[in-house]
Protein backbone atom coordinates (compact mmCIF):
# COMPACT_ATOMS: atom_id res chain seq x y z
CA MET A 1 -44.04 17.25 -4.14
CA THR A 2 -45.02 13.63 -4.37
CA LEU A 3 -44.14 13.24 -8.05
CA ASP A 4 -40.86 15.12 -7.82
CA GLN A 5 -39.19 12.09 -6.24
CA PHE A 6 -39.61 10.24 -9.54
CA ARG A 7 -37.65 12.83 -11.53
CA PRO A 8 -34.64 10.51 -12.20
CA GLN A 9 -36.96 7.87 -13.65
CA VAL A 10 -38.81 10.45 -15.73
CA GLN A 11 -35.51 11.78 -17.07
CA GLY A 12 -34.66 8.34 -18.37
CA ILE A 13 -38.04 8.01 -20.05
CA ILE A 14 -37.97 11.38 -21.81
CA GLN A 15 -34.30 11.31 -22.85
CA PRO A 16 -35.07 9.78 -26.28
CA VAL A 17 -37.55 12.61 -26.88
CA VAL A 18 -34.95 15.15 -25.77
CA ASN A 19 -32.50 13.64 -28.25
CA LEU A 20 -35.10 13.93 -31.00
CA MET A 21 -35.76 17.59 -30.12
CA ARG A 22 -32.05 18.32 -30.45
CA ARG A 23 -31.81 16.60 -33.82
CA ILE A 24 -34.69 18.53 -35.35
CA GLY A 25 -33.51 21.85 -33.90
CA VAL A 26 -36.20 22.57 -31.32
CA THR A 27 -35.05 25.01 -28.63
CA PRO A 28 -35.97 24.95 -24.93
CA ASN A 29 -37.64 28.36 -25.22
CA ALA A 30 -39.75 27.10 -28.13
CA LEU A 31 -41.03 24.31 -25.89
CA THR A 32 -41.75 26.82 -23.12
CA ILE A 33 -43.77 28.98 -25.52
CA ALA A 34 -45.57 25.87 -26.77
CA SER A 35 -46.52 25.04 -23.17
CA PHE A 36 -47.98 28.54 -22.88
CA LEU A 37 -50.05 28.15 -26.04
CA VAL A 38 -51.50 24.75 -25.13
CA SER A 39 -52.35 25.98 -21.61
CA ALA A 40 -54.28 28.89 -23.15
CA LEU A 41 -56.08 26.43 -25.42
CA ALA A 42 -56.84 24.26 -22.39
CA GLY A 43 -58.39 27.18 -20.53
CA ILE A 44 -60.49 28.18 -23.53
CA ALA A 45 -61.61 24.58 -24.05
CA PHE A 46 -62.65 24.11 -20.41
CA TYR A 47 -64.52 27.41 -20.52
CA ALA A 48 -66.34 26.32 -23.68
CA GLY A 49 -67.23 22.92 -22.23
CA GLY A 50 -64.68 20.97 -24.24
CA VAL A 51 -63.37 18.85 -21.39
CA VAL A 52 -61.79 16.23 -23.67
CA PHE A 53 -59.78 18.78 -25.67
CA GLY A 54 -58.94 20.74 -22.53
CA THR A 55 -57.64 17.64 -20.79
CA VAL A 56 -55.51 16.70 -23.81
CA MET A 57 -54.05 20.21 -23.88
CA VAL A 58 -53.18 19.94 -20.17
CA ALA A 59 -51.37 16.69 -20.96
CA PHE A 60 -49.38 18.48 -23.68
CA ASN A 61 -48.62 21.29 -21.23
CA ALA A 62 -47.21 18.74 -18.79
CA VAL A 63 -45.05 17.16 -21.52
CA PHE A 64 -43.69 20.47 -22.82
CA ASP A 65 -43.06 21.68 -19.27
CA ALA A 66 -41.00 18.57 -18.55
CA LEU A 67 -39.11 18.74 -21.83
CA ASP A 68 -38.00 22.39 -21.89
CA GLY A 69 -35.82 22.18 -18.79
CA ALA A 70 -34.53 18.71 -19.70
CA LEU A 71 -33.56 19.92 -23.17
CA ALA A 72 -31.83 23.03 -21.79
CA ARG A 73 -29.78 20.91 -19.38
CA ASP A 74 -28.95 18.41 -22.11
CA MET A 75 -27.75 21.21 -24.41
CA GLY A 76 -25.78 22.84 -21.59
CA ILE A 77 -27.60 26.14 -21.97
CA ALA A 78 -29.75 26.14 -18.82
CA GLY A 79 -29.60 29.65 -17.41
CA ILE A 80 -31.35 32.40 -15.51
CA ARG A 81 -33.33 33.82 -18.44
CA GLY A 82 -34.76 30.46 -19.42
CA ASP A 83 -35.60 29.67 -15.81
CA PHE A 84 -37.31 33.05 -15.41
CA LEU A 85 -39.32 32.58 -18.60
CA ASP A 86 -40.35 29.09 -17.53
CA HIS A 87 -41.69 30.31 -14.19
CA VAL A 88 -43.63 33.17 -15.76
CA ILE A 89 -45.20 30.83 -18.31
CA ASP A 90 -46.04 28.25 -15.63
CA ARG A 91 -47.94 30.82 -13.58
CA TYR A 92 -49.91 32.01 -16.60
CA ALA A 93 -50.61 28.38 -17.47
CA ASP A 94 -51.98 27.80 -13.96
CA ILE A 95 -54.20 30.86 -14.34
CA PHE A 96 -55.49 29.86 -17.77
CA ILE A 97 -56.27 26.27 -16.82
CA ILE A 98 -57.86 26.84 -13.42
CA THR A 99 -59.84 29.89 -14.54
CA GLY A 100 -61.09 27.97 -17.56
CA ILE A 101 -62.28 25.13 -15.35
CA PHE A 102 -64.35 27.23 -12.95
CA ALA A 103 -65.46 29.84 -15.50
CA GLY A 104 -66.75 26.96 -17.61
CA GLY A 105 -69.14 25.99 -14.85
CA ALA A 106 -67.30 23.19 -13.06
CA ALA A 107 -67.44 25.16 -9.79
CA PRO A 108 -68.62 28.53 -8.45
CA TRP A 109 -66.21 31.40 -8.79
CA GLN A 110 -65.56 31.42 -5.03
CA ILE A 111 -64.15 27.90 -5.21
CA GLY A 112 -62.16 28.87 -8.30
CA VAL A 113 -60.57 31.84 -6.52
CA PHE A 114 -59.83 29.63 -3.50
CA ALA A 115 -58.05 27.12 -5.77
CA LEU A 116 -56.21 29.77 -7.77
CA THR A 117 -54.89 31.63 -4.73
CA GLY A 118 -53.72 28.36 -3.16
CA VAL A 119 -51.85 27.38 -6.30
CA LEU A 120 -50.29 30.80 -6.83
CA MET A 121 -49.25 31.26 -3.20
CA SER A 122 -47.60 27.85 -3.01
CA SER A 123 -45.69 28.59 -6.22
CA TYR A 124 -44.76 32.08 -5.01
CA LEU A 125 -43.30 30.81 -1.75
CA GLY A 126 -41.23 28.24 -3.64
CA THR A 127 -39.37 31.00 -5.48
CA GLN A 128 -39.52 33.64 -2.72
CA ALA A 129 -37.34 31.33 -0.65
CA GLN A 130 -34.57 31.99 -3.14
CA ALA A 131 -35.22 35.73 -3.09
CA VAL A 132 -34.61 35.92 0.67
CA GLY A 133 -31.40 33.91 0.40
CA VAL A 134 -32.59 30.52 1.63
CA GLY A 135 -32.50 28.85 -1.76
CA ARG A 136 -35.33 27.67 -3.93
CA PHE A 137 -37.67 25.28 -2.16
CA TYR A 138 -40.39 23.21 -3.79
CA GLY A 139 -41.24 20.87 -0.94
CA GLY A 140 -44.74 20.31 0.34
CA ILE A 141 -47.65 18.07 -0.38
CA LEU A 142 -48.78 19.47 -3.77
CA GLY A 143 -46.48 20.55 -6.58
CA ARG A 144 -47.17 21.56 -10.17
CA ALA A 145 -46.54 18.10 -11.60
CA ASP A 146 -49.01 16.66 -9.10
CA ARG A 147 -51.61 19.24 -10.10
CA LEU A 148 -51.29 18.56 -13.81
CA VAL A 149 -51.62 14.80 -13.35
CA LEU A 150 -54.66 15.30 -11.11
CA ILE A 151 -56.31 17.58 -13.68
CA ILE A 152 -55.78 14.95 -16.38
CA ILE A 153 -57.30 12.26 -14.16
CA ALA A 154 -60.24 14.45 -13.11
CA GLY A 155 -60.85 15.50 -16.71
CA ALA A 156 -60.91 11.87 -17.85
CA LEU A 157 -63.29 10.92 -15.03
CA THR A 158 -65.57 13.85 -15.85
CA VAL A 159 -65.88 12.57 -19.41
CA LEU A 160 -66.09 8.84 -18.61
CA ILE A 161 -68.37 9.12 -15.57
CA PRO A 162 -70.52 12.20 -16.20
CA GLY A 163 -72.68 13.59 -13.46
CA ALA A 164 -72.38 15.64 -10.31
CA ILE A 165 -71.75 14.95 -6.65
CA TYR A 166 -73.43 17.64 -4.54
CA GLY A 167 -73.52 19.87 -7.59
CA LEU A 168 -69.88 19.49 -8.65
CA ASN A 169 -68.22 17.21 -11.18
CA TYR A 170 -64.75 15.75 -10.67
CA LEU A 171 -63.00 18.88 -11.92
CA GLY A 172 -65.05 21.02 -9.55
CA TRP A 173 -64.14 18.86 -6.57
CA LEU A 174 -60.52 18.94 -7.69
CA LEU A 175 -60.52 22.73 -7.38
CA ILE A 176 -61.59 22.39 -3.76
CA ILE A 177 -58.69 20.00 -3.21
CA PHE A 178 -56.34 22.47 -4.92
CA GLY A 179 -57.56 25.21 -2.61
CA PHE A 180 -56.96 23.32 0.61
CA LEU A 181 -53.76 21.54 -0.41
CA GLY A 182 -52.40 24.58 -2.23
CA HIS A 183 -52.69 26.77 0.86
CA TYR A 184 -51.39 23.95 3.04
CA THR A 185 -48.37 23.60 0.74
CA ALA A 186 -47.83 27.36 0.98
CA PHE A 187 -47.90 27.04 4.77
CA GLN A 188 -45.40 24.15 4.66
CA ARG A 189 -43.03 26.20 2.51
CA PHE A 190 -43.44 29.28 4.70
CA VAL A 191 -42.54 27.30 7.83
CA HIS A 192 -39.49 25.77 6.13
CA VAL A 193 -38.21 29.15 4.88
CA TRP A 194 -38.92 30.85 8.23
CA ARG A 195 -36.90 28.22 10.08
CA GLN A 196 -34.04 28.52 7.61
CA ILE A 197 -33.97 32.30 8.04
CA GLU A 198 -33.81 31.86 11.82
CA LYS A 199 -30.81 29.53 11.44
CA GLN A 200 -29.01 32.15 9.42
């Protein structure tokens, strides 16, 4: 993931917010559920043509997704259940957001399915690595943080520079990128895990 390398810097930026969450009694699971709700709202908004609201909700999803794990670690309560819940919510968030984008007319359903399968397979292989004993692996060219930032940028461009290029707006073209890079990321992760299994 290209943005994952900036995690130490991001941690420093969000720490004041984490401290505030602790003071007002917000729990990590509450933030995870909040990320689920705003992702559902994002999908509905994109489907209904509300690109501005949908893009804002994606931004909130990114913030909540970054905060829940950081808050859990800060409170010393990071554990398996929270991690499991976070991954389930993230996958549903991916489904809501991407389905909303193509079902709302940004791209044909074939492109939407191509993007969705690429995203889900890359995420699946990241956790399947742990299931086969290699250890969780989130390497590759396109991670979830990258996708969220790209959706925010494409959403902003769609609003600021309306129009279509060969029948697709910026969000539609982004789904094509997600399809190719998602499946390529899945391939990268498969190769890494396969090689690690061979070493064992």
